Amino acid sequence: MNHPDFQGEIRELNLAWLMLAQKMLRADRETALLRLGISRAFADFIDAQSVSRLLRIANSPLLISCFRFDDEQLVRLMAGEGRDAAASTLHAAILAAGKAAEEAA
């Protein structure tokens, strides 16, 4: 049985996420913390890294980022399902902010 090696794709995803996170943190830290769902300590770490260090971190065989939304209802709202797509998206943002606050506590 052939088992594909996804190391290249994982490396690309890791690097893209790390560079995006660093850029977001430098542009608007508070919004980035909410959108990325990361702790202040992890944000400080990412923000302090050089590009060469980010490349080394990205080479990990594990995904750096993780999906914090494993709640089906939240994902459905984010997709605009419901009576009013705009209200569903706003509702999803409120729920996501609440989840971020719960995790930070």
PDB file of N, CA and C in Angstrom:
ATOM      1  N   MET A   1       0.844  -1.171   0.000  1.00  0.00           N
ATOM      2  CA  MET A   1       0.000   0.000   0.000  1.00  0.00           C
ATOM      3  C   MET A   1       0.890   1.235   0.000  1.00  0.00           C
ATOM      4  N   ASN A   2       0.580   2.198  -0.849  1.00  0.00           N
ATOM      5  CA  ASN A   2       1.375   3.408  -0.967  1.00  0.00           C
ATOM      6  C   ASN A   2       0.907   4.456   0.036  1.00  0.00           C
ATOM      7  N   HIS A   3       1.808   4.923   0.892  1.00  0.00           N
ATOM      8  CA  HIS A   3       1.500   5.955   1.876  1.00  0.00           C
ATOM      9  C   HIS A   3       2.217   7.233   1.461  1.00  0.00           C
ATOM     10  N   PRO A   4       1.471   8.257   1.061  1.00  0.00           N
ATOM     11  CA  PRO A   4       2.126   9.482   0.607  1.00  0.00           C
ATOM     12  C   PRO A   4       2.838  10.192   1.757  1.00  0.00           C
ATOM     13  N   ASP A   5       3.934  10.842   1.422  1.00  0.00           N
ATOM     14  CA  ASP A   5       4.676  11.633   2.393  1.00  0.00           C
ATOM     15  C   ASP A   5       4.262  13.089   2.206  1.00  0.00           C
ATOM     16  N   PHE A   6       3.655  13.656   3.200  1.00  0.00           N
ATOM     17  CA  PHE A   6       3.144  15.016   3.110  1.00  0.00           C
ATOM     18  C   PHE A   6       4.099  16.036   3.710  1.00  0.00           C
ATOM     19  N   GLN A   7       5.347  15.659   3.928  1.00  0.00           N
ATOM     20  CA  GLN A   7       6.296  16.555   4.584  1.00  0.00           C
ATOM     21  C   GLN A   7       6.441  17.883   3.846  1.00  0.00           C
ATOM     22  N   GLY A   8       6.514  17.858   2.528  1.00  0.00           N
ATOM     23  CA  GLY A   8       6.644  19.095   1.758  1.00  0.00           C
ATOM     24  C   GLY A   8       5.458  20.021   1.945  1.00  0.00           C
ATOM     25  N   GLU A   9       4.257  19.453   1.911  1.00  0.00           N
ATOM     26  CA  GLU A   9       3.044  20.243   2.100  1.00  0.00           C
ATOM     27  C   GLU A   9       2.960  20.781   3.520  1.00  0.00           C
ATOM     28  N   ILE A  10       3.348  19.967   4.506  1.00  0.00           N
ATOM     29  CA  ILE A  10       3.344  20.415   5.901  1.00  0.00           C
ATOM     30  C   ILE A  10       4.333  21.560   6.078  1.00  0.00           C
ATOM     31  N   ARG A  11       5.506  21.441   5.495  1.00  0.00           N
ATOM     32  CA  ARG A  11       6.522  22.499   5.591  1.00  0.00           C
ATOM     33  C   ARG A  11       5.982  23.807   4.998  1.00  0.00           C
ATOM     34  N   GLU A  12       5.365  23.728   3.816  1.00  0.00           N
ATOM     35  CA  GLU A  12       4.813  24.926   3.180  1.00  0.00           C
ATOM     36  C   GLU A  12       3.711  25.555   4.022  1.00  0.00           C
ATOM     37  N   LEU A  13       2.831  24.724   4.557  1.00  0.00           N
ATOM     38  CA  LEU A  13       1.746  25.229   5.397  1.00  0.00           C
ATOM     39  C   LEU A  13       2.303  25.864   6.662  1.00  0.00           C
ATOM     40  N   ASN A  14       3.267  25.194   7.301  1.00  0.00           N
ATOM     41  CA  ASN A  14       3.880  25.751   8.505  1.00  0.00           C
ATOM     42  C   ASN A  14       4.516  27.106   8.236  1.00  0.00           C
ATOM     43  N   LEU A  15       5.282  27.198   7.155  1.00  0.00           N
ATOM     44  CA  LEU A  15       5.966  28.451   6.849  1.00  0.00           C
ATOM     45  C   LEU A  15       4.963  29.555   6.531  1.00  0.00           C
ATOM     46  N   ALA A  16       3.952  29.229   5.741  1.00  0.00           N
ATOM     47  CA  ALA A  16       2.935  30.229   5.403  1.00  0.00           C
ATOM     48  C   ALA A  16       2.235  30.719   6.665  1.00  0.00           C
ATOM     49  N   TRP A  17       1.874  29.799   7.567  1.00  0.00           N
ATOM     50  CA  TRP A  17       1.179  30.178   8.793  1.00  0.00           C
ATOM     51  C   TRP A  17       2.079  31.024   9.684  1.00  0.00           C
ATOM     52  N   LEU A  18       3.327  30.613   9.857  1.00  0.00           N
ATOM     53  CA  LEU A  18       4.246  31.363  10.719  1.00  0.00           C
ATOM     54  C   LEU A  18       4.492  32.774  10.183  1.00  0.00           C
ATOM     55  N   MET A  19       4.684  32.892   8.885  1.00  0.00           N
ATOM     56  CA  MET A  19       4.935  34.212   8.311  1.00  0.00           C
ATOM     57  C   MET A  19       3.686  35.089   8.369  1.00  0.00           C
ATOM     58  N   LEU A  20       2.520  34.498   8.118  1.00  0.00           N
ATOM     59  CA  LEU A  20       1.274  35.250   8.236  1.00  0.00           C
ATOM     60  C   LEU A  20       1.061  35.693   9.682  1.00  0.00           C
ATOM     61  N   ALA A  21       1.272  34.793  10.623  1.00  0.00           N
ATOM     62  CA  ALA A  21       1.098  35.127  12.036  1.00  0.00           C
ATOM     63  C   ALA A  21       2.028  36.271  12.432  1.00  0.00           C
ATOM     64  N   GLN A  22       3.277  36.208  12.020  1.00  0.00           N
ATOM     65  CA  GLN A  22       4.236  37.257  12.358  1.00  0.00           C
ATOM     66  C   GLN A  22       3.804  38.603  11.760  1.00  0.00           C
ATOM     67  N   LYS A  23       3.370  38.574  10.520  1.00  0.00           N
ATOM     68  CA  LYS A  23       2.927  39.797   9.848  1.00  0.00           C
ATOM     69  C   LYS A  23       1.695  40.386  10.535  1.00  0.00           C
ATOM     70  N   MET A  24       0.740  39.522  10.879  1.00  0.00           N
ATOM     71  CA  MET A  24      -0.469  39.978  11.567  1.00  0.00           C
ATOM     72  C   MET A  24      -0.136  40.567  12.932  1.00  0.00           C
ATOM     73  N   LEU A  25       0.743  39.910  13.672  1.00  0.00           N
ATOM     74  CA  LEU A  25       1.122  40.392  15.002  1.00  0.00           C
ATOM     75  C   LEU A  25       1.789  41.753  14.943  1.00  0.00           C
ATOM     76  N   ARG A  26       2.594  41.969  13.938  1.00  0.00           N
ATOM     77  CA  ARG A  26       3.291  43.247  13.801  1.00  0.00           C
ATOM     78  C   ARG A  26       2.371  44.362  13.328  1.00  0.00           C
ATOM     79  N   ALA A  27       1.301  44.000  12.623  1.00  0.00           N
ATOM     80  CA  ALA A  27       0.367  45.006  12.110  1.00  0.00           C
ATOM     81  C   ALA A  27      -0.661  45.423  13.168  1.00  0.00           C
ATOM     82  N   ASP A  28      -1.254  44.450  13.862  1.00  0.00           N
ATOM     83  CA  ASP A  28      -2.294  44.723  14.856  1.00  0.00           C
ATOM     84  C   ASP A  28      -2.331  43.548  15.831  1.00  0.00           C
ATOM     85  N   ARG A  29      -1.564  43.665  16.884  1.00  0.00           N
ATOM     86  CA  ARG A  29      -1.340  42.558  17.813  1.00  0.00           C
ATOM     87  C   ARG A  29      -2.630  42.009  18.428  1.00  0.00           C
ATOM     88  N   GLU A  30      -3.486  42.872  18.925  1.00  0.00           N
ATOM     89  CA  GLU A  30      -4.697  42.397  19.608  1.00  0.00           C
ATOM     90  C   GLU A  30      -5.635  41.651  18.661  1.00  0.00           C
ATOM     91  N   THR A  31      -5.812  42.183  17.472  1.00  0.00           N
ATOM     92  CA  THR A  31      -6.656  41.506  16.487  1.00  0.00           C
ATOM     93  C   THR A  31      -6.025  40.184  16.076  1.00  0.00           C
ATOM     94  N   ALA A  32      -4.719  40.178  15.913  1.00  0.00           N
ATOM     95  CA  ALA A  32      -4.021  38.942  15.536  1.00  0.00           C
ATOM     96  C   ALA A  32      -4.182  37.871  16.609  1.00  0.00           C
ATOM     97  N   LEU A  33      -4.070  38.262  17.872  1.00  0.00           N
ATOM     98  CA  LEU A  33      -4.235  37.293  18.962  1.00  0.00           C
ATOM     99  C   LEU A  33      -5.618  36.646  18.897  1.00  0.00           C
ATOM    100  N   LEU A  34      -6.620  37.447  18.629  1.00  0.00           N
ATOM    101  CA  LEU A  34      -7.988  36.924  18.543  1.00  0.00           C
ATOM    102  C   LEU A  34      -8.145  36.019  17.320  1.00  0.00           C
ATOM    103  N   ARG A  35      -7.688  36.490  16.181  1.00  0.00           N
ATOM    104  CA  ARG A  35      -7.879  35.717  14.945  1.00  0.00           C
ATOM    105  C   ARG A  35      -7.053  34.442  14.917  1.00  0.00           C
ATOM    106  N   LEU A  36      -5.848  34.505  15.447  1.00  0.00           N
ATOM    107  CA  LEU A  36      -4.981  33.322  15.438  1.00  0.00           C
ATOM    108  C   LEU A  36      -5.295  32.361  16.578  1.00  0.00           C
ATOM    109  N   GLY A  37      -5.875  32.877  17.650  1.00  0.00           N
ATOM    110  CA  GLY A  37      -6.204  32.031  18.791  1.00  0.00           C
ATOM    111  C   GLY A  37      -4.972  31.515  19.513  1.00  0.00           C
ATOM    112  N   ILE A  38      -3.946  32.371  19.630  1.00  0.00           N
ATOM    113  CA  ILE A  38      -2.707  31.961  20.294  1.00  0.00           C
ATOM    114  C   ILE A  38      -2.494  32.779  21.563  1.00  0.00           C
ATOM    115  N   SER A  39      -1.670  32.254  22.437  1.00  0.00           N
ATOM    116  CA  SER A  39      -1.379  32.952  23.684  1.00  0.00           C
ATOM    117  C   SER A  39      -0.420  34.112  23.435  1.00  0.00           C
ATOM    118  N   ARG A  40      -0.358  35.031  24.382  1.00  0.00           N
ATOM    119  CA  ARG A  40       0.574  36.158  24.281  1.00  0.00           C
ATOM    120  C   ARG A  40       2.021  35.661  24.281  1.00  0.00           C
ATOM    121  N   ALA A  41       2.301  34.637  25.048  1.00  0.00           N
ATOM    122  CA  ALA A  41       3.667  34.100  25.101  1.00  0.00           C
ATOM    123  C   ALA A  41       4.074  33.515  23.749  1.00  0.00           C
ATOM    124  N   PHE A  42       3.176  32.771  23.127  1.00  0.00           N
ATOM    125  CA  PHE A  42       3.477  32.205  21.811  1.00  0.00           C
ATOM    126  C   PHE A  42       3.595  33.320  20.779  1.00  0.00           C
ATOM    127  N   ALA A  43       2.743  34.343  20.891  1.00  0.00           N
ATOM    128  CA  ALA A  43       2.817  35.489  19.987  1.00  0.00           C
ATOM    129  C   ALA A  43       4.169  36.191  20.129  1.00  0.00           C
ATOM    130  N   ASP A  44       4.640  36.368  21.361  1.00  0.00           N
ATOM    131  CA  ASP A  44       5.952  36.988  21.590  1.00  0.00           C
ATOM    132  C   ASP A  44       7.051  36.173  20.933  1.00  0.00           C
ATOM    133  N   PHE A  45       6.957  34.853  21.056  1.00  0.00           N
ATOM    134  CA  PHE A  45       7.952  33.966  20.472  1.00  0.00           C
ATOM    135  C   PHE A  45       7.982  34.104  18.950  1.00  0.00           C
ATOM    136  N   ILE A  46       6.806  34.028  18.314  1.00  0.00           N
ATOM    137  CA  ILE A  46       6.725  34.124  16.856  1.00  0.00           C
ATOM    138  C   ILE A  46       7.244  35.479  16.380  1.00  0.00           C
ATOM    139  N   ASP A  47       6.833  36.533  17.067  1.00  0.00           N
ATOM    140  CA  ASP A  47       7.209  37.882  16.676  1.00  0.00           C
ATOM    141  C   ASP A  47       8.720  38.104  16.740  1.00  0.00           C
ATOM    142  N   ALA A  48       9.401  37.419  17.628  1.00  0.00           N
ATOM    143  CA  ALA A  48      10.828  37.628  17.830  1.00  0.00           C
ATOM    144  C   ALA A  48      11.717  36.823  16.880  1.00  0.00           C
ATOM    145  N   GLN A  49      11.137  35.939  16.077  1.00  0.00           N
ATOM    146  CA  GLN A  49      11.942  35.041  15.251  1.00  0.00           C
ATOM    147  C   GLN A  49      12.384  35.684  13.935  1.00  0.00           C
ATOM    148  N   SER A  50      13.574  35.328  13.502  1.00  0.00           N
ATOM    149  CA  SER A  50      14.075  35.749  12.199  1.00  0.00           C
ATOM    150  C   SER A  50      13.477  34.833  11.130  1.00  0.00           C
ATOM    151  N   VAL A  51      13.600  35.239   9.881  1.00  0.00           N
ATOM    152  CA  VAL A  51      13.080  34.416   8.779  1.00  0.00           C
ATOM    153  C   VAL A  51      13.786  33.063   8.752  1.00  0.00           C
ATOM    154  N   SER A  52      15.094  33.049   8.968  1.00  0.00           N
ATOM    155  CA  SER A  52      15.811  31.772   8.938  1.00  0.00           C
ATOM    156  C   SER A  52      15.345  30.858  10.067  1.00  0.00           C
ATOM    157  N   ARG A  53      15.024  31.423  11.195  1.00  0.00           N
ATOM    158  CA  ARG A  53      14.523  30.610  12.315  1.00  0.00           C
ATOM    159  C   ARG A  53      13.117  30.089  12.014  1.00  0.00           C
ATOM    160  N   LEU A  54      12.287  30.931  11.377  1.00  0.00           N
ATOM    161  CA  LEU A  54      10.956  30.471  10.977  1.00  0.00           C
ATOM    162  C   LEU A  54      11.056  29.310   9.997  1.00  0.00           C
ATOM    163  N   LEU A  55      12.031  29.385   9.091  1.00  0.00           N
ATOM    164  CA  LEU A  55      12.247  28.285   8.143  1.00  0.00           C
ATOM    165  C   LEU A  55      12.601  26.993   8.871  1.00  0.00           C
ATOM    166  N   ARG A  56      13.458  27.094   9.882  1.00  0.00           N
ATOM    167  CA  ARG A  56      13.817  25.886  10.646  1.00  0.00           C
ATOM    168  C   ARG A  56      12.617  25.328  11.395  1.00  0.00           C
ATOM    169  N   ILE A  57      11.820  26.203  11.980  1.00  0.00           N
ATOM    170  CA  ILE A  57      10.623  25.761  12.707  1.00  0.00           C
ATOM    171  C   ILE A  57       9.642  25.106  11.739  1.00  0.00           C
ATOM    172  N   ALA A  58       9.493  25.694  10.558  1.00  0.00           N
ATOM    173  CA  ALA A  58       8.550  25.179   9.555  1.00  0.00           C
ATOM    174  C   ALA A  58       8.906  23.777   9.087  1.00  0.00           C
ATOM    175  N   ASN A  59      10.165  23.400   9.195  1.00  0.00           N
ATOM    176  CA  ASN A  59      10.601  22.077   8.755  1.00  0.00           C
ATOM    177  C   ASN A  59      10.157  20.946   9.669  1.00  0.00           C
ATOM    178  N   SER A  60       9.452  21.260  10.717  1.00  0.00           N
ATOM    179  CA  SER A  60       8.942  20.240  11.626  1.00  0.00           C
ATOM    180  C   SER A  60       8.027  19.276  10.865  1.00  0.00           C
ATOM    181  N   PRO A  61       8.052  17.999  11.206  1.00  0.00           N
ATOM    182  CA  PRO A  61       7.137  17.060  10.550  1.00  0.00           C
ATOM    183  C   PRO A  61       5.698  17.174  11.066  1.00  0.00           C
ATOM    184  N   LEU A  62       5.487  18.051  12.026  1.00  0.00           N
ATOM    185  CA  LEU A  62       4.159  18.254  12.613  1.00  0.00           C
ATOM    186  C   LEU A  62       3.615  19.607  12.210  1.00  0.00           C
ATOM    187  N   LEU A  63       2.308  19.725  12.109  1.00  0.00           N
ATOM    188  CA  LEU A  63       1.694  21.016  11.821  1.00  0.00           C
ATOM    189  C   LEU A  63       1.877  21.939  13.020  1.00  0.00           C
ATOM    190  N   ILE A  64       2.316  23.160  12.758  1.00  0.00           N
ATOM    191  CA  ILE A  64       2.494  24.148  13.824  1.00  0.00           C
ATOM    192  C   ILE A  64       1.139  24.656  14.290  1.00  0.00           C
ATOM    193  N   SER A  65       0.280  24.957  13.323  1.00  0.00           N
ATOM    194  CA  SER A  65      -1.037  25.480  13.659  1.00  0.00           C
ATOM    195  C   SER A  65      -2.000  24.329  13.914  1.00  0.00           C
ATOM    196  N   CYS A  66      -3.087  24.659  14.574  1.00  0.00           N
ATOM    197  CA  CYS A  66      -4.132  23.655  14.766  1.00  0.00           C
ATOM    198  C   CYS A  66      -5.475  24.340  14.572  1.00  0.00           C
ATOM    199  N   PHE A  67      -6.465  23.564  14.227  1.00  0.00           N
ATOM    200  CA  PHE A  67      -7.798  24.108  14.063  1.00  0.00           C
ATOM    201  C   PHE A  67      -8.430  24.236  15.436  1.00  0.00           C
ATOM    202  N   ARG A  68      -8.769  25.440  15.798  1.00  0.00           N
ATOM    203  CA  ARG A  68      -9.378  25.610  17.115  1.00  0.00           C
ATOM    204  C   ARG A  68     -10.883  25.466  17.052  1.00  0.00           C
ATOM    205  N   PHE A  69     -11.445  25.454  15.852  1.00  0.00           N
ATOM    206  CA  PHE A  69     -12.884  25.319  15.725  1.00  0.00           C
ATOM    207  C   PHE A  69     -13.234  23.907  15.312  1.00  0.00           C
ATOM    208  N   ASP A  70     -13.473  23.073  16.300  1.00  0.00           N
ATOM    209  CA  ASP A  70     -13.911  21.715  16.013  1.00  0.00           C
ATOM    210  C   ASP A  70     -15.389  21.566  16.357  1.00  0.00           C
ATOM    211  N   ASP A  71     -16.046  22.684  16.490  1.00  0.00           N
ATOM    212  CA  ASP A  71     -17.460  22.743  16.809  1.00  0.00           C
ATOM    213  C   ASP A  71     -18.242  22.862  15.493  1.00  0.00           C
ATOM    214  N   GLU A  72     -19.015  21.848  15.172  1.00  0.00           N
ATOM    215  CA  GLU A  72     -19.745  21.828  13.895  1.00  0.00           C
ATOM    216  C   GLU A  72     -20.666  23.031  13.749  1.00  0.00           C
ATOM    217  N   GLN A  73     -21.351  23.403  14.819  1.00  0.00           N
ATOM    218  CA  GLN A  73     -22.276  24.537  14.752  1.00  0.00           C
ATOM    219  C   GLN A  73     -21.525  25.816  14.397  1.00  0.00           C
ATOM    220  N   LEU A  74     -20.377  26.032  15.001  1.00  0.00           N
ATOM    221  CA  LEU A  74     -19.593  27.224  14.728  1.00  0.00           C
ATOM    222  C   LEU A  74     -19.127  27.259  13.274  1.00  0.00           C
ATOM    223  N   VAL A  75     -18.670  26.134  12.771  1.00  0.00           N
ATOM    224  CA  VAL A  75     -18.213  26.080  11.379  1.00  0.00           C
ATOM    225  C   VAL A  75     -19.380  26.328  10.425  1.00  0.00           C
ATOM    226  N   ARG A  76     -20.545  25.787  10.739  1.00  0.00           N
ATOM    227  CA  ARG A  76     -21.718  26.032   9.896  1.00  0.00           C
ATOM    228  C   ARG A  76     -22.066  27.524   9.888  1.00  0.00           C
ATOM    229  N   LEU A  77     -21.993  28.179  11.046  1.00  0.00           N
ATOM    230  CA  LEU A  77     -22.265  29.609  11.102  1.00  0.00           C
ATOM    231  C   LEU A  77     -21.233  30.397  10.304  1.00  0.00           C
ATOM    232  N   MET A  78     -19.970  29.967  10.396  1.00  0.00           N
ATOM    233  CA  MET A  78     -18.917  30.645   9.641  1.00  0.00           C
ATOM    234  C   MET A  78     -19.150  30.514   8.141  1.00  0.00           C
ATOM    235  N   ALA A  79     -19.780  29.435   7.735  1.00  0.00           N
ATOM    236  CA  ALA A  79     -20.089  29.211   6.320  1.00  0.00           C
ATOM    237  C   ALA A  79     -21.344  29.961   5.881  1.00  0.00           C
ATOM    238  N   GLY A  80     -21.995  30.638   6.829  1.00  0.00           N
ATOM    239  CA  GLY A  80     -23.175  31.434   6.484  1.00  0.00           C
ATOM    240  C   GLY A  80     -24.466  30.659   6.480  1.00  0.00           C
ATOM    241  N   GLU A  81     -24.464  29.463   7.059  1.00  0.00           N
ATOM    242  CA  GLU A  81     -25.706  28.692   7.115  1.00  0.00           C
ATOM    243  C   GLU A  81     -26.630  29.307   8.156  1.00  0.00           C
ATOM    244  N   GLY A  82     -27.884  29.251   7.891  1.00  0.00           N
ATOM    245  CA  GLY A  82     -28.882  29.809   8.801  1.00  0.00           C
ATOM    246  C   GLY A  82     -29.841  30.690   8.033  1.00  0.00           C
ATOM    247  N   ARG A  83     -30.722  31.340   8.755  1.00  0.00           N
ATOM    248  CA  ARG A  83     -31.730  32.180   8.107  1.00  0.00           C
ATOM    249  C   ARG A  83     -31.110  33.379   7.397  1.00  0.00           C
ATOM    250  N   ASP A  84     -30.137  33.990   8.025  1.00  0.00           N
ATOM    251  CA  ASP A  84     -29.516  35.195   7.473  1.00  0.00           C
ATOM    252  C   ASP A  84     -28.005  35.009   7.497  1.00  0.00           C
ATOM    253  N   ALA A  85     -27.384  34.953   6.329  1.00  0.00           N
ATOM    254  CA  ALA A  85     -25.945  34.680   6.239  1.00  0.00           C
ATOM    255  C   ALA A  85     -25.120  35.720   6.992  1.00  0.00           C
ATOM    256  N   ALA A  86     -25.486  36.991   6.893  1.00  0.00           N
ATOM    257  CA  ALA A  86     -24.730  38.048   7.581  1.00  0.00           C
ATOM    258  C   ALA A  86     -24.829  37.879   9.096  1.00  0.00           C
ATOM    259  N   ALA A  87     -26.016  37.582   9.581  1.00  0.00           N
ATOM    260  CA  ALA A  87     -26.195  37.379  11.018  1.00  0.00           C
ATOM    261  C   ALA A  87     -25.465  36.120  11.477  1.00  0.00           C
ATOM    262  N   SER A  88     -25.440  35.085  10.639  1.00  0.00           N
ATOM    263  CA  SER A  88     -24.733  33.853  10.988  1.00  0.00           C
ATOM    264  C   SER A  88     -23.238  34.113  11.157  1.00  0.00           C
ATOM    265  N   THR A  89     -22.671  34.915  10.247  1.00  0.00           N
ATOM    266  CA  THR A  89     -21.254  35.235  10.320  1.00  0.00           C
ATOM    267  C   THR A  89     -20.943  36.036  11.576  1.00  0.00           C
ATOM    268  N   LEU A  90     -21.800  36.998  11.907  1.00  0.00           N
ATOM    269  CA  LEU A  90     -21.619  37.797  13.123  1.00  0.00           C
ATOM    270  C   LEU A  90     -21.744  36.915  14.356  1.00  0.00           C
ATOM    271  N   HIS A  91     -22.715  36.030  14.359  1.00  0.00           N
ATOM    272  CA  HIS A  91     -22.906  35.096  15.471  1.00  0.00           C
ATOM    273  C   HIS A  91     -21.662  34.214  15.641  1.00  0.00           C
ATOM    274  N   ALA A  92     -21.099  33.750  14.531  1.00  0.00           N
ATOM    275  CA  ALA A  92     -19.883  32.930  14.582  1.00  0.00           C
ATOM    276  C   ALA A  92     -18.728  33.718  15.189  1.00  0.00           C
ATOM    277  N   ALA A  93     -18.585  34.983  14.812  1.00  0.00           N
ATOM    278  CA  ALA A  93     -17.509  35.814  15.355  1.00  0.00           C
ATOM    279  C   ALA A  93     -17.657  35.998  16.862  1.00  0.00           C
ATOM    280  N   ILE A  94     -18.886  36.175  17.324  1.00  0.00           N
ATOM    281  CA  ILE A  94     -19.141  36.332  18.758  1.00  0.00           C
ATOM    282  C   ILE A  94     -18.802  35.037  19.502  1.00  0.00           C
ATOM    283  N   LEU A  95     -19.235  33.899  18.954  1.00  0.00           N
ATOM    284  CA  LEU A  95     -18.920  32.610  19.573  1.00  0.00           C
ATOM    285  C   LEU A  95     -17.414  32.355  19.591  1.00  0.00           C
ATOM    286  N   ALA A  96     -16.733  32.691  18.494  1.00  0.00           N
ATOM    287  CA  ALA A  96     -15.280  32.482  18.415  1.00  0.00           C
ATOM    288  C   ALA A  96     -14.560  33.341  19.436  1.00  0.00           C
ATOM    289  N   ALA A  97     -14.988  34.583  19.605  1.00  0.00           N
ATOM    290  CA  ALA A  97     -14.372  35.465  20.601  1.00  0.00           C
ATOM    291  C   ALA A  97     -14.583  34.911  22.000  1.00  0.00           C
ATOM    292  N   GLY A  98     -15.772  34.352  22.244  1.00  0.00           N
ATOM    293  CA  GLY A  98     -16.049  33.736  23.542  1.00  0.00           C
ATOM    294  C   GLY A  98     -15.174  32.536  23.793  1.00  0.00           C
ATOM    295  N   LYS A  99     -14.940  31.728  22.763  1.00  0.00           N
ATOM    296  CA  LYS A  99     -14.062  30.566  22.903  1.00  0.00           C
ATOM    297  C   LYS A  99     -12.632  30.999  23.200  1.00  0.00           C
ATOM    298  N   ALA A 100     -12.175  32.055  22.527  1.00  0.00           N
ATOM    299  CA  ALA A 100     -10.817  32.567  22.750  1.00  0.00           C
ATOM    300  C   ALA A 100     -10.680  33.056  24.185  1.00  0.00           C
ATOM    301  N   ALA A 101     -11.713  33.721  24.704  1.00  0.00           N
ATOM    302  CA  ALA A 101     -11.669  34.214  26.077  1.00  0.00           C
ATOM    303  C   ALA A 101     -11.667  33.057  27.078  1.00  0.00           C
ATOM    304  N   GLU A 102     -12.451  32.018  26.797  1.00  0.00           N
ATOM    305  CA  GLU A 102     -12.481  30.843  27.674  1.00  0.00           C
ATOM    306  C   GLU A 102     -11.109  30.166  27.730  1.00  0.00           C
ATOM    307  N   GLU A 103     -10.457  30.036  26.570  1.00  0.00           N
ATOM    308  CA  GLU A 103      -9.158  29.375  26.497  1.00  0.00           C
ATOM    309  C   GLU A 103      -8.066  30.189  27.181  1.00  0.00           C
ATOM    310  N   ALA A 104      -8.207  31.511  27.153  1.00  0.00           N
ATOM    311  CA  ALA A 104      -7.195  32.376  27.764  1.00  0.00           C
ATOM    312  C   ALA A 104      -7.296  32.366  29.286  1.00  0.00           C
ATOM    313  N   ALA A 105      -8.487  32.047  29.790  1.00  0.00           N
ATOM    314  CA  ALA A 105      -8.707  32.069  31.250  1.00  0.00           C
ATOM    315  C   ALA A 105      -8.049  30.911  31.956  1.00  0.00           C
TER     316      ALA A 105
END
